[in-house]
Amino acid sequence: MRQIDPGFLALPLRRMADAALQRARDLGVEYAAFRLERVRAETLRLFDARLEGSMDADDLGFSVRVIKDGTWGFASGIELTPEAAARAAEEAVEVARVSAPINREPVELAPEPVYADVTWVSSYEIDPFEVPVGEKVELLADWSSRMLGRVDHVSASLMQVKEQKFYADSAGTVTTQQRVRIHPVLTAMKSDGSRFDDMRTLAPPVGRGWEYLTGTGWDFPAELAEIPDLLDEKLKAPSVEPGTYDLVIHPSNLWLTIHESIGHATELDRALGYEAAYAGTSFATFDKLGTLQYGSPVMNVVGDRTVEHGLATIGWDDEGVQTQSFDIVRDGVLVGYQLDRRMARLKGLGRSNGCAFADSPGHVPLQRMANVSLQPAEGGPSTEELISRVERGIYIVGDKSWSIDMQRYNFQFTGQRFYKIENGRLAGQLRDVAYQASTLDFWRSMEAVGGPQTYVLGGAFNCGKGQPGQVAPVSHGAPSALFRGVRILNTVQEAGKR
């Protein structure tokens, strides 16, 4: 079990929190929270086994958020002293005072137990920031070189983040947390003289450390060995005939459809219209809770901020709420939303389910996505068994481009690889495939989900929301799944090309 870095604990965390909270109390607030955090991010980029660029950023600062006379106030700073923290509290209260005349909806928060002094560290073995940069570059260059003799070009990147947060509020909750996440990506590119295409690794970003690249959680050498042959096959593959097909979708593709059509659609602030400027609102409005048939009866979706190695996994959120697992869709019916404390209280839903997050010390916590995952069927079929049920269809692997409307309703998605299914068997790759549907039609067409042996936890580092924009990491698990009668487009024809 890793420990929180001594260097972070040596910062004046308690003294600053005490100064900020006491000053806020003196000014008569109903609620105050102090947050000090450090976010370190490192990115390496290679092209054809040579280092092309690197970035090492360190964001260190603090914020004070208050409710004064039913109105939010917020201020942040970078001077790590008790005096600066007290001044920030004064500034936050002043922001609330100035904003109060235009506030038509007094802010109240759902209740939450007090956690007097708790600590949480994510599940990882080797801190990637303790690994020399040269060693990382050497590994990525070696992996790239293994493919270069068989493809034209290889790009490689490695993103790593360490996030440390100290939180204290006027109720008495104090949390100290540290988590690590990592995302390696390699993309092979090749031309056969008339066509150019690429193929990317399927390895998802994860809440792990450097051990992820050395054999824990994914077999990178095995995947890299397969990509050149798979890319050759893709270049020679026929273009898809548009029409209606049955689909078997691998979790490496399905996670993104979950993210866009379920994850964002069931954020309560979006469903209520509070979030509209960035990526729109949601068709899954509050009046549909408990009645909307979101999908078929085999559809069960859970929000979970506790799953091991999840990118959105944490012990306590940025409002001091202990994180949880909760139902969003049960037996195909919409039964829950993702909540922060204000949204939970606003709609009388009881306790928050721990979905408040700010991506830096200078940003206000927003209601952000949990690890939203489609559940497998206990004792359910393998991917091969799902394919065997299809007479005429397509098997889809890996994610690529996507598009969805501002209500999270009409969408289309492409992928990395597509295989024709004929009479229950794979019959070679296809090209130029995109599937198009509305959210409800798509999930209602899901006939079967695979068993736990098909389940993979995918996700992304860069889910965007808010204005000014914030970026959050989030995972989405899924089994392989079978869908009936989905519309397939030919992307070349749609682009007006031949």
Protein backbone atom coordinates (compact mmCIF):
# COMPACT_ATOMS: atom_id res chain seq x y z
CA MET A 1 0.00 0.00 0.00
CA ARG A 2 1.47 3.31 -1.09
CA GLN A 3 1.59 6.26 1.31
CA ILE A 4 0.87 9.92 0.64
CA ASP A 5 4.10 11.68 -0.29
CA PRO A 6 5.82 13.28 2.73
CA GLY A 7 6.48 16.40 0.66
CA PHE A 8 2.76 17.04 0.28
CA LEU A 9 2.06 16.36 3.95
CA ALA A 10 4.82 18.85 4.88
CA LEU A 11 2.82 21.72 3.36
CA PRO A 12 0.93 23.94 5.86
CA LEU A 13 -2.34 22.10 5.17
CA ARG A 14 -3.97 22.30 8.60
CA ARG A 15 -2.82 25.80 9.46
CA MET A 16 -4.14 27.19 6.19
CA ALA A 17 -7.44 25.32 6.52
CA ASP A 18 -7.91 26.52 10.10
CA ALA A 19 -7.23 30.13 9.10
CA ALA A 20 -9.61 30.03 6.13
CA LEU A 21 -12.46 28.27 7.91
CA GLN A 22 -12.23 30.43 11.00
CA ARG A 23 -12.30 33.63 8.95
CA ALA A 24 -15.30 32.36 7.00
CA ARG A 25 -17.13 31.54 10.26
CA ASP A 26 -16.34 35.01 11.58
CA LEU A 27 -18.02 36.43 8.47
CA GLY A 28 -21.22 34.45 9.11
CA VAL A 29 -21.22 31.84 6.34
CA GLU A 30 -23.54 28.83 6.34
CA TYR A 31 -20.86 26.59 4.84
CA ALA A 32 -17.17 26.81 4.05
CA ALA A 33 -14.67 24.39 2.49
CA PHE A 34 -10.92 24.67 2.06
CA ARG A 35 -9.09 22.64 -0.57
CA LEU A 36 -5.34 22.51 -1.19
CA GLU A 37 -4.11 20.36 -4.02
CA ARG A 38 -1.16 19.50 -6.17
CA VAL A 39 -1.64 18.02 -9.64
CA ARG A 40 1.46 16.84 -11.46
CA ALA A 41 1.15 15.76 -15.10
CA GLU A 42 3.82 14.38 -17.41
CA THR A 43 3.44 13.58 -21.12
CA LEU A 44 5.98 11.98 -23.46
CA ARG A 45 5.54 11.81 -27.26
CA LEU A 46 7.65 9.76 -29.67
CA PHE A 47 7.51 9.42 -33.44
CA ASP A 48 9.27 6.53 -35.16
CA ALA A 49 11.02 5.61 -31.89
CA ARG A 50 12.48 9.08 -31.38
CA LEU A 51 11.47 11.51 -28.66
CA GLU A 52 9.40 14.27 -30.23
CA GLY A 53 8.26 16.20 -27.15
CA SER A 54 7.78 16.10 -23.41
CA MET A 55 5.79 18.07 -20.87
CA ASP A 56 6.03 18.13 -17.09
CA ALA A 57 3.49 20.40 -15.37
CA ASP A 58 2.95 21.02 -11.67
CA ASP A 59 -0.20 22.83 -10.48
CA LEU A 60 -0.11 23.72 -6.77
CA GLY A 61 -2.58 25.99 -5.01
CA PHE A 62 -5.65 26.25 -2.80
CA SER A 63 -9.23 27.46 -2.82
CA VAL A 64 -11.99 28.50 -0.44
CA ARG A 65 -15.64 27.97 -1.27
CA VAL A 66 -18.49 29.33 0.87
CA ILE A 67 -22.25 29.66 1.03
CA LYS A 68 -23.25 33.05 2.40
CA ASP A 69 -26.93 34.01 2.55
CA GLY A 70 -27.75 31.11 0.23
CA THR A 71 -25.23 32.15 -2.45
CA TRP A 72 -21.99 30.53 -3.57
CA GLY A 73 -18.70 32.37 -3.22
CA PHE A 74 -15.28 31.14 -4.38
CA ALA A 75 -11.68 32.34 -4.36
CA SER A 76 -8.31 30.69 -4.92
CA GLY A 77 -4.63 31.44 -4.50
CA ILE A 78 -1.09 30.11 -4.78
CA GLU A 79 0.59 31.70 -1.75
CA LEU A 80 0.70 28.86 0.78
CA THR A 81 0.35 30.77 4.05
CA PRO A 82 -2.43 31.02 6.67
CA GLU A 83 -2.69 34.74 5.96
CA ALA A 84 -3.34 34.11 2.25
CA ALA A 85 -5.94 31.48 3.12
CA ALA A 86 -7.77 33.93 5.38
CA ARG A 87 -7.74 36.58 2.65
CA ALA A 88 -9.16 34.05 0.18
CA ALA A 89 -12.00 33.36 2.62
CA GLU A 90 -12.76 37.08 2.73
CA GLU A 91 -12.70 37.24 -1.07
CA ALA A 92 -15.04 34.24 -1.36
CA VAL A 93 -17.52 35.87 1.01
CA GLU A 94 -17.31 39.10 -0.99
CA VAL A 95 -18.05 37.18 -4.21
CA ALA A 96 -21.13 35.71 -2.54
CA ARG A 97 -22.24 39.15 -1.33
CA VAL A 98 -21.93 40.70 -4.79
CA SER A 99 -23.71 37.74 -6.41
CA ALA A 100 -26.58 37.56 -3.91
CA PRO A 101 -28.88 40.16 -5.58
CA ILE A 102 -29.08 38.08 -8.77
CA ASN A 103 -29.45 34.71 -7.05
CA ARG A 104 -33.04 33.47 -7.35
CA GLU A 105 -32.42 30.01 -5.91
CA PRO A 106 -30.85 29.77 -2.42
CA VAL A 107 -28.16 27.09 -2.26
CA GLU A 108 -28.67 24.25 0.20
CA LEU A 109 -26.60 21.09 0.48
CA ALA A 110 -27.68 17.52 1.15
CA PRO A 111 -26.50 16.30 4.56
CA GLU A 112 -23.38 14.16 4.86
CA PRO A 113 -21.72 12.52 7.89
CA VAL A 114 -18.56 14.11 9.25
CA TYR A 115 -15.23 12.35 8.54
CA ALA A 116 -12.91 13.81 11.13
CA ASP A 117 -9.48 12.83 9.74
CA VAL A 118 -9.39 10.27 6.94
CA THR A 119 -6.81 9.28 4.32
CA TRP A 120 -7.10 7.45 1.00
CA VAL A 121 -4.51 6.36 -1.59
CA SER A 122 -5.34 4.75 -4.93
CA SER A 123 -4.29 1.22 -5.85
CA TYR A 124 -0.90 1.28 -7.59
CA GLU A 125 2.52 -0.29 -7.05
CA ILE A 126 5.12 1.98 -8.68
CA ASP A 127 4.79 5.75 -8.77
CA PRO A 128 5.50 6.66 -12.42
CA PHE A 129 7.08 9.93 -11.29
CA GLU A 130 9.76 7.91 -9.51
CA VAL A 131 10.77 6.21 -12.79
CA PRO A 132 13.52 8.05 -14.72
CA VAL A 133 12.29 9.74 -17.90
CA GLY A 134 15.05 8.01 -19.88
CA GLU A 135 13.73 4.61 -18.85
CA LYS A 136 10.24 5.54 -20.04
CA VAL A 137 11.51 6.82 -23.38
CA GLU A 138 13.64 3.70 -23.84
CA LEU A 139 10.63 1.40 -23.33
CA LEU A 140 8.38 3.36 -25.71
CA ALA A 141 11.17 3.48 -28.31
CA ASP A 142 11.69 -0.28 -28.03
CA TRP A 143 7.98 -0.95 -28.48
CA SER A 144 7.88 1.39 -31.48
CA SER A 145 10.92 -0.29 -33.08
CA ARG A 146 9.27 -3.70 -32.86
CA MET A 147 6.59 -2.51 -35.30
CA LEU A 148 8.62 -0.16 -37.50
CA GLY A 149 9.98 -2.86 -39.77
CA ARG A 150 6.43 -3.95 -40.59
CA VAL A 151 4.62 -0.59 -40.77
CA ASP A 152 5.57 2.82 -42.17
CA HIS A 153 5.38 4.93 -39.02
CA VAL A 154 4.66 4.57 -35.30
CA SER A 155 3.62 7.26 -32.85
CA ALA A 156 3.76 6.66 -29.12
CA SER A 157 2.61 8.68 -26.14
CA LEU A 158 2.51 8.26 -22.38
CA MET A 159 0.39 10.41 -20.07
CA GLN A 160 0.82 10.20 -16.30
CA VAL A 161 -0.91 12.15 -13.52
CA LYS A 162 -0.47 12.27 -9.76
CA GLU A 163 -3.22 14.13 -7.92
CA GLN A 164 -2.98 15.04 -4.21
CA LYS A 165 -5.80 16.77 -2.33
CA PHE A 166 -6.36 18.04 1.17
CA TYR A 167 -9.93 19.04 2.03
CA ALA A 168 -11.44 20.50 5.21
CA ASP A 169 -14.89 22.00 5.77
CA SER A 170 -16.79 23.87 8.45
CA ALA A 171 -18.69 20.72 9.49
CA GLY A 172 -15.44 19.07 10.61
CA THR A 173 -14.62 16.75 7.71
CA VAL A 174 -10.90 16.51 6.88
CA THR A 175 -9.63 14.29 4.03
CA THR A 176 -6.16 13.75 2.58
CA GLN A 177 -5.91 11.77 -0.65
CA GLN A 178 -3.51 10.77 -3.41
CA ARG A 179 -4.16 8.98 -6.69
CA VAL A 180 -2.15 8.04 -9.76
CA ARG A 181 -3.28 7.33 -13.32
CA ILE A 182 -1.47 6.41 -16.54
CA HIS A 183 -2.27 6.08 -20.24
CA PRO A 184 0.13 4.63 -22.85
CA VAL A 185 -0.91 4.72 -26.55
CA LEU A 186 0.88 3.41 -29.64
CA THR A 187 -0.46 3.94 -33.16
CA ALA A 188 0.85 2.19 -36.28
CA MET A 189 0.44 3.85 -39.70
CA LYS A 190 0.81 2.33 -43.15
CA SER A 191 0.03 2.95 -46.82
CA ASP A 192 -0.29 0.32 -49.54
CA GLY A 193 0.13 2.90 -52.30
CA SER A 194 -3.56 3.59 -52.77
CA ARG A 195 -4.83 3.63 -49.20
CA PHE A 196 -3.54 4.96 -45.91
CA ASP A 197 -4.77 3.79 -42.51
CA ASP A 198 -3.73 3.43 -38.90
CA MET A 199 -4.42 1.20 -35.94
CA ARG A 200 -4.09 2.02 -32.24
CA THR A 201 -3.52 -0.12 -29.18
CA LEU A 202 -6.65 -1.07 -27.24
CA ALA A 203 -5.01 -0.79 -23.82
CA PRO A 204 -7.22 1.55 -21.76
CA PRO A 205 -6.05 4.31 -19.41
CA VAL A 206 -6.12 3.07 -15.82
CA GLY A 207 -5.69 4.07 -12.21
CA ARG A 208 -2.41 2.16 -11.91
CA GLY A 209 1.28 3.03 -11.79
CA TRP A 210 4.32 2.17 -13.88
CA GLU A 211 3.69 -1.55 -13.32
CA TYR A 212 0.96 -1.29 -16.00
CA LEU A 213 3.67 -1.02 -18.65
CA THR A 214 5.72 -3.91 -17.28
CA GLY A 215 3.17 -6.71 -17.24
CA THR A 216 0.50 -5.89 -14.65
CA GLY A 217 -2.96 -5.47 -16.12
CA TRP A 218 -2.11 -5.63 -19.84
CA ASP A 219 0.13 -7.61 -22.20
CA PHE A 220 1.58 -4.84 -24.38
CA PRO A 221 4.18 -6.99 -26.23
CA ALA A 222 1.48 -9.42 -27.35
CA GLU A 223 -0.79 -6.65 -28.60
CA LEU A 224 2.00 -4.84 -30.43
CA ALA A 225 3.04 -8.07 -32.17
CA GLU A 226 -0.47 -8.42 -33.67
CA ILE A 227 -1.03 -4.86 -34.89
CA PRO A 228 1.05 -4.90 -38.12
CA ASP A 229 -0.76 -7.97 -39.50
CA LEU A 230 -4.13 -6.59 -38.43
CA LEU A 231 -3.34 -3.29 -40.15
CA ASP A 232 -2.30 -5.10 -43.34
CA GLU A 233 -5.62 -6.94 -43.31
CA LYS A 234 -7.51 -3.70 -42.75
CA LEU A 235 -5.83 -2.04 -45.75
CA LYS A 236 -6.94 -4.90 -48.00
CA ALA A 237 -10.45 -5.16 -46.55
CA PRO A 238 -13.55 -4.34 -48.64
CA SER A 239 -15.62 -1.26 -47.90
CA VAL A 240 -18.82 -1.99 -46.00
CA GLU A 241 -22.20 -2.06 -47.72
CA PRO A 242 -24.45 0.33 -45.78
CA GLY A 243 -27.64 -1.08 -44.32
CA THR A 244 -29.03 -2.71 -41.19
CA TYR A 245 -26.88 -5.22 -39.35
CA ASP A 246 -26.75 -7.08 -36.06
CA LEU A 247 -23.71 -5.97 -34.05
CA VAL A 248 -21.46 -7.61 -31.50
CA ILE A 249 -19.56 -4.77 -29.83
CA HIS A 250 -16.39 -5.34 -27.83
CA PRO A 251 -15.96 -3.32 -24.60
CA SER A 252 -13.01 -1.46 -26.15
CA ASN A 253 -15.60 0.26 -28.36
CA LEU A 254 -18.71 0.14 -26.19
CA TRP A 255 -17.18 2.12 -23.31
CA LEU A 256 -17.29 5.33 -25.38
CA THR A 257 -20.94 4.84 -26.36
CA ILE A 258 -21.71 4.36 -22.67
CA HIS A 259 -19.83 7.55 -21.83
CA GLU A 260 -21.65 9.72 -24.34
CA SER A 261 -25.17 8.26 -24.32
CA ILE A 262 -25.49 7.20 -20.65
CA GLY A 263 -22.73 8.84 -18.61
CA HIS A 264 -23.36 12.42 -19.72
CA ALA A 265 -27.10 11.93 -20.13
CA THR A 266 -27.56 10.93 -16.47
CA GLU A 267 -25.67 13.81 -14.87
CA LEU A 268 -28.50 15.48 -12.99
CA ASP A 269 -27.32 19.04 -13.57
CA ARG A 270 -27.40 18.33 -17.31
CA ALA A 271 -30.83 16.66 -17.10
CA LEU A 272 -32.17 19.72 -15.23
CA GLY A 273 -30.70 22.18 -17.72
CA TYR A 274 -28.07 23.68 -15.38
CA GLU A 275 -25.34 22.39 -17.69
CA ALA A 276 -25.99 23.46 -21.27
CA ALA A 277 -23.07 25.54 -22.57
CA TYR A 278 -20.64 22.63 -22.85
CA ALA A 279 -22.02 19.60 -24.74
CA GLY A 280 -25.66 20.37 -24.05
CA THR A 281 -28.37 19.12 -21.72
CA SER A 282 -30.08 15.69 -21.73
CA PHE A 283 -33.17 13.95 -23.05
CA ALA A 284 -33.29 11.94 -19.75
CA THR A 285 -35.19 14.65 -17.87
CA PHE A 286 -36.11 14.36 -14.22
CA ASP A 287 -39.78 13.58 -14.88
CA LYS A 288 -38.67 10.31 -16.50
CA LEU A 289 -36.94 8.96 -13.37
CA GLY A 290 -38.31 5.54 -12.54
CA THR A 291 -40.34 5.21 -15.75
CA LEU A 292 -38.08 5.70 -18.78
CA GLN A 293 -37.34 2.41 -20.57
CA TYR A 294 -33.73 3.32 -21.35
CA GLY A 295 -32.83 -0.07 -22.75
CA SER A 296 -33.73 -3.74 -22.89
CA PRO A 297 -34.27 -5.78 -19.71
CA VAL A 298 -30.66 -7.06 -19.86
CA MET A 299 -29.37 -3.51 -19.38
CA ASN A 300 -28.02 -2.75 -15.90
CA VAL A 301 -25.78 0.29 -15.46
CA VAL A 302 -23.98 1.27 -12.25
CA GLY A 303 -22.20 4.47 -11.25
CA ASP A 304 -19.22 3.60 -9.07
CA ARG A 305 -16.54 5.85 -7.60
CA THR A 306 -15.01 3.00 -5.60
CA VAL A 307 -14.01 0.39 -8.22
CA GLU A 308 -10.33 -0.55 -8.07
CA HIS A 309 -8.18 1.13 -10.75
CA GLY A 310 -11.07 3.30 -11.98
CA LEU A 311 -10.07 6.72 -13.25
CA ALA A 312 -12.91 8.42 -11.35
CA THR A 313 -12.26 6.37 -8.21
CA ILE A 314 -11.53 8.33 -5.04
CA GLY A 315 -12.26 7.97 -1.33
CA TRP A 316 -14.13 11.25 -0.76
CA ASP A 317 -15.25 13.77 -3.36
CA ASP A 318 -14.53 17.50 -3.41
CA GLU A 319 -17.51 18.21 -1.13
CA GLY A 320 -16.42 15.76 1.56
CA VAL A 321 -18.84 13.02 0.49
CA GLN A 322 -17.70 9.42 0.88
CA THR A 323 -17.86 7.83 -2.54
CA GLN A 324 -20.27 5.03 -3.38
CA SER A 325 -21.66 2.61 -5.95
CA PHE A 326 -25.23 3.26 -7.12
CA ASP A 327 -27.72 2.13 -9.76
CA ILE A 328 -28.42 4.31 -12.79
CA VAL A 329 -30.32 1.84 -15.00
CA ARG A 330 -31.86 -1.32 -13.57
CA ASP A 331 -33.49 -3.94 -15.84
CA GLY A 332 -33.52 -1.33 -18.58
CA VAL A 333 -35.29 1.41 -16.56
CA LEU A 334 -33.75 4.75 -15.52
CA VAL A 335 -33.57 4.64 -11.71
CA GLY A 336 -30.86 7.12 -10.72
CA TYR A 337 -28.67 10.08 -11.56
CA GLN A 338 -25.17 11.20 -10.73
CA LEU A 339 -25.36 13.81 -7.95
CA ASP A 340 -23.45 16.38 -5.97
CA ARG A 341 -24.74 17.76 -2.67
CA ARG A 342 -26.63 20.69 -4.13
CA MET A 343 -28.38 18.66 -6.84
CA ALA A 344 -29.32 15.93 -4.37
CA ARG A 345 -30.94 18.45 -2.01
CA LEU A 346 -32.57 20.43 -4.81
CA LYS A 347 -34.58 17.43 -6.01
CA GLY A 348 -35.13 15.75 -2.63
CA LEU A 349 -33.04 12.70 -3.50
CA GLY A 350 -31.39 12.30 -0.11
CA ARG A 351 -27.65 11.97 0.12
CA SER A 352 -25.22 12.90 -2.66
CA ASN A 353 -23.54 9.94 -4.34
CA GLY A 354 -20.16 11.66 -4.32
CA CYS A 355 -19.84 13.13 -7.81
CA ALA A 356 -18.26 16.56 -7.13
CA PHE A 357 -14.81 17.14 -8.65
CA ALA A 358 -12.56 20.07 -9.57
CA ASP A 359 -9.64 19.47 -11.91
CA SER A 360 -7.35 22.07 -10.33
CA PRO A 361 -7.04 24.20 -7.18
CA GLY A 362 -8.23 27.22 -9.15
CA HIS A 363 -11.53 25.70 -10.27
CA VAL A 364 -14.90 25.29 -8.58
CA PRO A 365 -16.02 21.67 -8.01
CA LEU A 366 -18.60 20.58 -10.58
CA GLN A 367 -20.90 17.60 -10.67
CA ARG A 368 -18.72 15.14 -12.59
CA MET A 369 -19.08 11.62 -13.90
CA ALA A 370 -18.56 8.50 -11.82
CA ASN A 371 -17.16 5.32 -13.36
CA VAL A 372 -20.37 4.47 -15.26
CA SER A 373 -20.41 0.83 -16.33
CA LEU A 374 -22.67 -1.68 -18.07
CA GLN A 375 -22.85 -4.80 -15.93
CA PRO A 376 -22.09 -8.29 -17.31
CA ALA A 377 -24.48 -11.23 -16.93
CA GLU A 378 -23.49 -13.78 -14.30
CA GLY A 379 -22.80 -16.99 -16.17
CA GLY A 380 -23.31 -15.08 -19.41
CA PRO A 381 -21.94 -15.96 -22.84
CA SER A 382 -18.44 -15.43 -24.20
CA THR A 383 -17.79 -13.02 -27.07
CA GLU A 384 -17.52 -16.03 -29.40
CA GLU A 385 -20.92 -17.29 -28.27
CA LEU A 386 -22.48 -13.88 -28.97
CA ILE A 387 -20.96 -13.91 -32.45
CA SER A 388 -22.33 -17.41 -33.05
CA ARG A 389 -25.89 -16.04 -32.64
CA VAL A 390 -25.52 -13.68 -35.61
CA GLU A 391 -26.33 -14.66 -39.20
CA ARG A 392 -25.42 -11.33 -40.83
CA GLY A 393 -23.60 -8.76 -38.78
CA ILE A 394 -20.45 -6.91 -37.78
CA TYR A 395 -18.09 -7.33 -34.84
CA ILE A 396 -16.63 -3.98 -33.68
CA VAL A 397 -13.37 -3.58 -31.76
CA GLY A 398 -11.73 -0.40 -30.45
CA ASP A 399 -12.94 3.22 -30.46
CA LYS A 400 -12.16 6.03 -32.87
CA SER A 401 -14.32 8.99 -33.93
CA TRP A 402 -17.75 9.79 -32.51
CA SER A 403 -20.54 12.33 -32.70
CA ILE A 404 -23.62 12.93 -30.52
CA ASP A 405 -26.18 15.73 -30.41
CA MET A 406 -26.68 18.31 -27.66
CA GLN A 407 -29.41 16.21 -26.00
CA ARG A 408 -27.19 13.07 -25.85
CA TYR A 409 -29.70 11.36 -28.12
CA ASN A 410 -28.74 10.92 -31.79
CA PHE A 411 -25.24 9.58 -32.38
CA GLN A 412 -22.78 7.76 -34.58
CA PHE A 413 -19.56 5.95 -33.69
CA THR A 414 -16.72 4.36 -35.61
CA GLY A 415 -13.98 2.03 -34.36
CA GLN A 416 -10.51 0.58 -34.84
CA ARG A 417 -11.44 -2.75 -36.45
CA PHE A 418 -14.59 -4.22 -37.99
CA TYR A 419 -15.19 -7.85 -38.89
CA LYS A 420 -17.95 -9.22 -41.07
CA ILE A 421 -20.03 -11.94 -39.34
CA GLU A 422 -21.54 -14.59 -41.60
CA ASN A 423 -23.52 -17.52 -40.23
CA GLY A 424 -22.10 -17.11 -36.75
CA ARG A 425 -18.44 -16.81 -37.79
CA LEU A 426 -16.00 -13.99 -38.43
CA ALA A 427 -15.35 -13.59 -42.16
CA GLY A 428 -12.56 -11.00 -42.43
CA GLN A 429 -12.23 -7.30 -41.80
CA LEU A 430 -14.33 -4.49 -43.27
CA ARG A 431 -13.52 -0.82 -43.75
CA ASP A 432 -15.33 2.53 -43.55
CA VAL A 433 -17.87 1.47 -40.92
CA ALA A 434 -19.91 3.70 -38.59
CA TYR A 435 -22.98 2.74 -36.59
CA GLN A 436 -25.79 5.27 -36.17
CA ALA A 437 -28.77 5.25 -33.82
CA SER A 438 -30.72 7.13 -31.20
CA THR A 439 -29.80 6.38 -27.59
CA LEU A 440 -33.08 4.67 -26.68
CA ASP A 441 -33.37 2.65 -29.90
CA PHE A 442 -29.79 1.47 -29.54
CA TRP A 443 -29.95 0.31 -25.92
CA ARG A 444 -33.42 -1.22 -26.41
CA SER A 445 -31.97 -3.30 -29.26
CA MET A 446 -29.44 -4.94 -26.91
CA GLU A 447 -30.43 -8.60 -26.82
CA ALA A 448 -27.62 -10.04 -24.68
CA VAL A 449 -24.58 -9.05 -22.65
CA GLY A 450 -21.54 -11.21 -22.14
CA GLY A 451 -20.38 -12.79 -18.93
CA PRO A 452 -17.74 -11.42 -16.52
CA GLN A 453 -14.98 -13.03 -18.62
CA THR A 454 -15.73 -10.50 -21.39
CA TYR A 455 -15.72 -7.43 -19.11
CA VAL A 456 -13.08 -4.71 -19.61
CA LEU A 457 -12.73 -1.35 -17.80
CA GLY A 458 -12.08 1.30 -20.48
CA GLY A 459 -12.16 5.07 -20.18
CA ALA A 460 -10.56 8.45 -20.87
CA PHE A 461 -8.35 11.06 -19.21
CA ASN A 462 -10.09 13.99 -20.84
CA CYS A 463 -13.84 14.22 -20.25
CA GLY A 464 -14.75 17.87 -20.72
CA LYS A 465 -17.45 19.87 -18.93
CA GLY A 466 -18.17 23.33 -17.57
CA GLN A 467 -17.44 26.89 -18.56
CA PRO A 468 -14.59 27.71 -18.02
CA GLY A 469 -13.89 24.14 -19.15
CA GLN A 470 -12.62 21.45 -16.84
CA VAL A 471 -11.23 18.01 -17.69
CA ALA A 472 -11.91 14.89 -15.60
CA PRO A 473 -10.71 11.28 -15.86
CA VAL A 474 -13.40 8.59 -15.94
CA SER A 475 -13.60 4.83 -16.55
CA HIS A 476 -16.41 2.82 -18.11
CA GLY A 477 -16.61 -0.94 -17.84
CA ALA A 478 -18.56 -3.13 -20.22
CA PRO A 479 -18.89 -6.72 -21.36
CA SER A 480 -19.20 -7.65 -25.00
CA ALA A 481 -22.83 -7.15 -26.08
CA LEU A 482 -25.18 -8.16 -28.92
CA PHE A 483 -27.42 -5.59 -30.62
CA ARG A 484 -30.05 -6.33 -33.24
CA GLY A 485 -30.90 -4.27 -36.31
CA VAL A 486 -28.55 -1.27 -36.06
CA ARG A 487 -28.03 1.10 -38.99
CA ILE A 488 -24.54 0.99 -40.55
CA LEU A 489 -23.14 3.85 -42.63
CA ASN A 490 -20.30 3.76 -45.14
CA THR A 491 -18.13 6.68 -44.00
CA VAL A 492 -16.49 7.20 -47.40
CA GLN A 493 -19.85 7.46 -49.12
CA GLU A 494 -21.16 9.76 -46.38
CA ALA A 495 -18.19 12.04 -47.00
CA GLY A 496 -19.12 12.25 -50.67
CA LYS A 497 -16.12 10.22 -51.81
CA ARG A 498 -15.81 7.01 -53.78
